[in-house]
Amino acid sequence: MSDPIRPAGPKIIAIANQKGGVGKTTTTINLGAALAEKGFNVLIVDLDPQGNASTGIGVVPEERDMTTYELLLEDIPLGEVIQKTTIKNLSIIPATVDLSSADIDLISNEKRSFLLHDALRQPAIDAFAFDFVLIDCPPSLNLLTVNAMVAAHSVLVPLQSEFFALEGLSQLMLTIREVRQSANPSLRIEGVVLTMYDSRNNLSQQVENDARDNLGDLVFQTLIPRNVRLSEAPSYSMPVLDYDPNSKGAIAYRALAQELVGKNAKRAA
């Protein structure tokens, strides 16, 4: 468990939505890169067995000897699993397909929901001086996602600007409430960010209006556009901020990082 005499550690944000294809990993990579560009020291924790965050940030499979699987199930020290990336101020704990068996492997562990919480609160993390830890969750509400929510201070929800987008939120909100009641009373919703937004499309505008009507200030002002550069960047194993720094996608994620930092500064004041 965390040590009450230790200084405050990094802000830990789980990026979660049980629906696939909503821009969750894209948001993790590019928000992380935008925060790093602003001078913050950022750690990405790849908690998705597909390992797309690891690939998208340039960590090839051959370089993933120590991963989130070893961190959770083999009690490996943080220093052995954290890897620097080619991006200044950005590190990662990578993932491989081994993580797909974690639910089964964890089921008999009585602390199964707290393993990531305890791993990220090892005193050793202080030496890295991280400002933010972003956890890329799998596209399901499984034990890995619960681990992320128990470990996190807040949950950021990417929401695709498409029909039925809001309907899938109810189960996610219920899971957040259950985690808050059972394991992490201070967990809150960091915000909802609308992704794949097309301002020329009436449906995108309708989804935005519905989201703001239902969720109010929880919805970030920043909209992440549907942008070909955002789609291309992962195939080159880099964030869009490096692939095309002046693209609409890069500009949007810089704005999201600024809005996130501003929100947290207001709360801290």
Protein backbone atom coordinates (compact mmCIF):
# COMPACT_ATOMS: atom_id res chain seq x y z
CA MET A 1 0.00 0.00 0.00
CA SER A 2 1.08 3.62 -0.36
CA ASP A 3 3.27 5.20 2.27
CA PRO A 4 1.63 8.25 3.91
CA ILE A 5 4.99 9.93 4.59
CA ARG A 6 6.07 9.85 0.95
CA PRO A 7 5.67 13.00 -1.15
CA ALA A 8 2.74 13.11 -3.52
CA GLY A 9 3.43 10.97 -6.57
CA PRO A 10 2.34 11.41 -10.19
CA LYS A 11 -1.22 12.04 -11.29
CA ILE A 12 -2.49 8.64 -12.50
CA ILE A 13 -5.17 8.65 -15.20
CA ALA A 14 -6.84 5.54 -16.60
CA ILE A 15 -7.94 6.00 -20.21
CA ALA A 16 -10.88 3.66 -20.56
CA ASN A 17 -13.88 2.76 -22.67
CA GLN A 18 -15.09 -0.82 -23.00
CA LYS A 19 -16.01 -0.15 -26.64
CA GLY A 20 -13.18 -0.73 -29.11
CA GLY A 21 -12.24 1.67 -31.88
CA VAL A 22 -13.04 4.88 -30.00
CA GLY A 23 -9.53 6.37 -30.08
CA LYS A 24 -8.46 5.18 -26.64
CA THR A 25 -4.90 4.16 -27.53
CA THR A 26 -4.57 7.11 -29.92
CA THR A 27 -5.52 9.39 -27.05
CA THR A 28 -3.10 7.71 -24.64
CA ILE A 29 -0.16 8.03 -27.03
CA ASN A 30 -0.82 11.55 -28.24
CA LEU A 31 -1.95 13.06 -24.95
CA GLY A 32 1.19 11.55 -23.41
CA ALA A 33 3.34 13.02 -26.17
CA ALA A 34 1.66 16.43 -25.85
CA LEU A 35 2.20 16.51 -22.08
CA ALA A 36 5.83 15.47 -22.61
CA GLU A 37 6.25 18.23 -25.19
CA LYS A 38 5.08 20.70 -22.53
CA GLY A 39 7.91 19.53 -20.28
CA PHE A 40 6.03 17.09 -18.07
CA ASN A 41 7.61 13.73 -17.28
CA VAL A 42 5.12 11.10 -18.48
CA LEU A 43 4.80 7.33 -18.11
CA ILE A 44 2.45 5.30 -20.31
CA VAL A 45 1.34 1.95 -18.87
CA ASP A 46 0.20 -0.34 -21.68
CA LEU A 47 -2.48 -2.52 -20.10
CA ASP A 48 -3.96 -3.78 -23.37
CA PRO A 49 -2.82 -7.28 -24.48
CA GLN A 50 -2.83 -6.02 -28.09
CA GLY A 51 0.14 -3.84 -27.14
CA ASN A 52 -0.88 -1.10 -29.56
CA ALA A 53 0.34 1.73 -27.34
CA SER A 54 3.75 0.06 -27.19
CA THR A 55 3.88 -0.37 -30.98
CA GLY A 56 2.53 3.11 -31.63
CA ILE A 57 5.29 4.69 -29.58
CA GLY A 58 8.09 2.72 -31.22
CA VAL A 59 8.74 -0.21 -28.86
CA VAL A 60 9.10 -3.27 -31.10
CA PRO A 61 8.08 -6.71 -29.72
CA GLU A 62 11.71 -7.86 -29.44
CA GLU A 63 12.33 -5.05 -26.94
CA ARG A 64 9.52 -6.08 -24.59
CA ASP A 65 11.35 -8.47 -22.29
CA MET A 66 9.76 -7.01 -19.16
CA THR A 67 6.15 -5.91 -19.47
CA THR A 68 3.01 -5.11 -17.52
CA TYR A 69 2.45 -8.85 -17.19
CA GLU A 70 5.67 -9.28 -15.20
CA LEU A 71 4.89 -6.14 -13.20
CA LEU A 72 1.49 -7.47 -12.13
CA LEU A 73 2.13 -11.18 -11.75
CA GLU A 74 5.80 -11.57 -10.94
CA ASP A 75 6.32 -8.58 -8.65
CA ILE A 76 9.15 -7.22 -10.83
CA PRO A 77 10.60 -3.90 -9.60
CA LEU A 78 9.48 -0.82 -11.52
CA GLY A 79 13.01 -0.01 -12.64
CA GLU A 80 13.14 -3.23 -14.64
CA VAL A 81 9.92 -2.68 -16.59
CA ILE A 82 10.02 1.06 -17.34
CA GLN A 83 11.56 1.82 -20.72
CA LYS A 84 12.58 5.19 -22.10
CA THR A 85 11.23 5.97 -25.55
CA THR A 86 12.81 8.03 -28.30
CA ILE A 87 10.49 10.88 -27.26
CA LYS A 88 11.91 13.24 -24.67
CA ASN A 89 10.16 13.03 -21.26
CA LEU A 90 8.11 9.98 -22.29
CA SER A 91 8.57 6.46 -20.88
CA ILE A 92 6.48 3.31 -21.18
CA ILE A 93 5.79 -0.01 -19.51
CA PRO A 94 5.04 -2.10 -22.62
CA ALA A 95 2.61 -4.98 -23.08
CA THR A 96 2.51 -8.21 -25.05
CA VAL A 97 -0.16 -10.80 -25.77
CA ASP A 98 0.92 -12.57 -22.54
CA LEU A 99 -1.33 -10.09 -20.77
CA SER A 100 -4.40 -11.74 -22.34
CA SER A 101 -4.17 -14.54 -19.76
CA ALA A 102 -3.89 -12.13 -16.82
CA ASP A 103 -7.57 -12.37 -15.86
CA ILE A 104 -7.24 -16.13 -15.36
CA ASP A 105 -3.82 -15.86 -13.71
CA LEU A 106 -5.03 -13.20 -11.28
CA ILE A 107 -8.29 -14.78 -10.23
CA SER A 108 -6.78 -16.74 -7.33
CA ASN A 109 -4.83 -13.74 -5.99
CA GLU A 110 -6.66 -12.18 -3.05
CA LYS A 111 -5.18 -8.76 -3.91
CA ARG A 112 -5.99 -9.18 -7.61
CA SER A 113 -7.66 -5.76 -7.96
CA PHE A 114 -4.84 -3.88 -6.18
CA LEU A 115 -1.76 -5.21 -7.98
CA LEU A 116 -1.31 -2.24 -10.32
CA HIS A 117 -2.16 0.17 -7.50
CA ASP A 118 0.63 -1.24 -5.34
CA ALA A 119 3.09 -1.53 -8.25
CA LEU A 120 2.71 2.15 -9.16
CA ARG A 121 3.14 3.20 -5.54
CA GLN A 122 6.46 1.49 -4.94
CA PRO A 123 8.85 4.00 -3.34
CA ALA A 124 11.10 3.40 -6.37
CA ILE A 125 8.73 5.43 -8.56
CA ASP A 126 9.87 8.62 -6.82
CA ALA A 127 13.28 8.39 -8.52
CA PHE A 128 11.62 8.76 -11.94
CA ALA A 129 9.84 12.00 -10.95
CA PHE A 130 6.85 11.35 -13.19
CA ASP A 131 4.21 14.06 -13.37
CA PHE A 132 1.59 11.95 -15.14
CA VAL A 133 0.95 8.23 -15.55
CA LEU A 134 -1.48 7.36 -18.36
CA ILE A 135 -2.89 3.82 -18.33
CA ASP A 136 -4.12 2.49 -21.68
CA CYS A 137 -6.90 0.08 -20.71
CA PRO A 138 -8.15 -2.87 -22.79
CA PRO A 139 -11.48 -2.47 -24.63
CA SER A 140 -13.44 -4.37 -21.98
CA LEU A 141 -14.47 -4.03 -18.35
CA ASN A 142 -12.31 -6.91 -17.16
CA LEU A 143 -9.95 -7.35 -14.22
CA LEU A 144 -7.21 -5.38 -15.98
CA THR A 145 -9.50 -2.37 -16.36
CA VAL A 146 -10.56 -2.69 -12.73
CA ASN A 147 -6.86 -2.74 -11.75
CA ALA A 148 -6.38 0.48 -13.70
CA MET A 149 -9.34 2.16 -11.98
CA VAL A 150 -8.21 1.06 -8.52
CA ALA A 151 -4.73 2.42 -9.28
CA ALA A 152 -5.89 5.69 -10.84
CA HIS A 153 -6.89 9.04 -9.44
CA SER A 154 -9.27 9.55 -12.34
CA VAL A 155 -10.69 8.09 -15.54
CA LEU A 156 -10.56 9.84 -18.90
CA VAL A 157 -13.15 8.52 -21.36
CA PRO A 158 -12.68 8.85 -25.14
CA LEU A 159 -16.12 8.95 -26.77
CA GLN A 160 -16.50 8.39 -30.48
CA SER A 161 -18.68 10.97 -32.21
CA GLU A 162 -21.06 8.38 -33.64
CA PHE A 163 -24.60 7.09 -33.15
CA PHE A 164 -25.20 5.14 -29.91
CA ALA A 165 -21.96 6.53 -28.44
CA LEU A 166 -23.63 7.67 -25.22
CA GLU A 167 -25.45 4.38 -24.69
CA GLY A 168 -22.20 2.52 -24.03
CA LEU A 169 -21.24 4.96 -21.30
CA SER A 170 -23.77 3.69 -18.78
CA GLN A 171 -21.95 0.42 -18.08
CA LEU A 172 -18.61 2.22 -17.78
CA MET A 173 -20.08 4.73 -15.33
CA LEU A 174 -21.56 1.86 -13.32
CA THR A 175 -18.15 0.17 -13.12
CA ILE A 176 -16.53 3.43 -12.00
CA ARG A 177 -19.20 3.78 -9.29
CA GLU A 178 -18.66 0.19 -8.11
CA VAL A 179 -14.87 0.71 -7.92
CA ARG A 180 -15.44 3.94 -6.01
CA GLN A 181 -17.69 2.18 -3.51
CA SER A 182 -15.51 -0.89 -3.02
CA ALA A 183 -11.85 -0.11 -3.59
CA ASN A 184 -11.04 3.49 -4.56
CA PRO A 185 -13.36 6.06 -2.92
CA SER A 186 -11.46 9.02 -4.38
CA LEU A 187 -11.73 7.87 -8.02
CA ARG A 188 -13.39 10.47 -10.20
CA ILE A 189 -14.07 11.10 -13.85
CA GLU A 190 -11.35 13.29 -15.34
CA GLY A 191 -13.55 14.03 -18.30
CA VAL A 192 -15.02 12.79 -21.56
CA VAL A 193 -13.22 13.68 -24.79
CA LEU A 194 -15.05 13.47 -28.09
CA THR A 195 -12.95 11.72 -30.74
CA MET A 196 -13.23 11.23 -34.52
CA TYR A 197 -15.23 14.45 -34.68
CA ASP A 198 -16.27 15.74 -38.10
CA SER A 199 -17.60 19.30 -37.92
CA ARG A 200 -19.17 18.88 -41.38
CA ASN A 201 -21.25 15.98 -40.12
CA ASN A 202 -24.58 16.72 -38.44
CA LEU A 203 -24.31 13.48 -36.48
CA SER A 204 -21.04 14.56 -34.84
CA GLN A 205 -22.65 17.84 -33.82
CA GLN A 206 -25.69 16.01 -32.44
CA VAL A 207 -23.50 13.64 -30.41
CA GLU A 208 -21.60 16.65 -29.04
CA ASN A 209 -24.84 18.41 -28.09
CA ASP A 210 -26.22 15.27 -26.43
CA ALA A 211 -22.96 14.69 -24.53
CA ARG A 212 -22.84 18.25 -23.24
CA ASP A 213 -26.54 18.20 -22.32
CA ASN A 214 -26.13 14.94 -20.38
CA LEU A 215 -22.63 15.32 -18.94
CA GLY A 216 -22.13 19.09 -18.74
CA ASP A 217 -18.66 20.22 -17.71
CA LEU A 218 -17.36 16.64 -17.75
CA VAL A 219 -17.01 16.98 -21.53
CA PHE A 220 -13.73 18.58 -22.58
CA GLN A 221 -14.04 21.66 -24.77
CA THR A 222 -11.32 20.21 -27.02
CA LEU A 223 -12.64 18.05 -29.88
CA ILE A 224 -10.37 15.45 -31.48
CA PRO A 225 -11.05 15.55 -35.23
CA ARG A 226 -11.26 12.72 -37.69
CA ASN A 227 -7.82 13.21 -39.23
CA VAL A 228 -5.89 11.09 -41.71
CA ARG A 229 -2.55 11.98 -40.07
CA LEU A 230 -3.80 10.58 -36.76
CA SER A 231 -4.65 7.34 -38.55
CA GLU A 232 -1.32 7.15 -40.37
CA ALA A 233 1.00 7.92 -37.44
CA PRO A 234 0.77 4.50 -35.66
CA SER A 235 1.96 2.70 -38.79
CA TYR A 236 5.17 4.73 -38.47
CA SER A 237 5.39 3.91 -34.75
CA MET A 238 5.19 7.51 -33.61
CA PRO A 239 2.72 9.98 -32.11
CA VAL A 240 1.09 12.36 -34.57
CA LEU A 241 2.94 15.22 -32.83
CA ASP A 242 6.17 13.79 -34.28
CA TYR A 243 4.73 12.42 -37.51
CA ASP A 244 3.06 15.68 -38.54
CA PRO A 245 3.40 18.36 -35.85
CA ASN A 246 1.19 20.84 -37.71
CA SER A 247 -1.67 18.49 -38.48
CA LYS A 248 -5.15 19.08 -37.06
CA GLY A 249 -4.75 15.96 -34.93
CA ALA A 250 -1.50 17.18 -33.36
CA ILE A 251 -2.96 20.63 -32.71
CA ALA A 252 -6.02 19.05 -31.06
CA TYR A 253 -4.00 16.85 -28.70
CA ARG A 254 -1.83 19.82 -27.69
CA ALA A 255 -5.06 21.66 -26.85
CA LEU A 256 -6.34 18.67 -24.88
CA ALA A 257 -3.11 18.53 -22.88
CA GLN A 258 -3.38 22.24 -22.13
CA GLU A 259 -7.01 21.86 -21.03
CA LEU A 260 -6.16 18.86 -18.83
CA VAL A 261 -3.30 20.72 -17.14
CA GLY A 262 -5.52 23.78 -16.65
CA LYS A 263 -8.30 21.73 -15.06
CA ASN A 264 -5.88 20.08 -12.64
CA ALA A 265 -4.27 23.41 -11.73
CA LYS A 266 -7.71 24.82 -10.84
CA ARG A 267 -8.50 21.81 -8.65
CA ALA A 268 -5.16 22.12 -6.88
CA ALA A 269 -5.61 25.84 -6.22
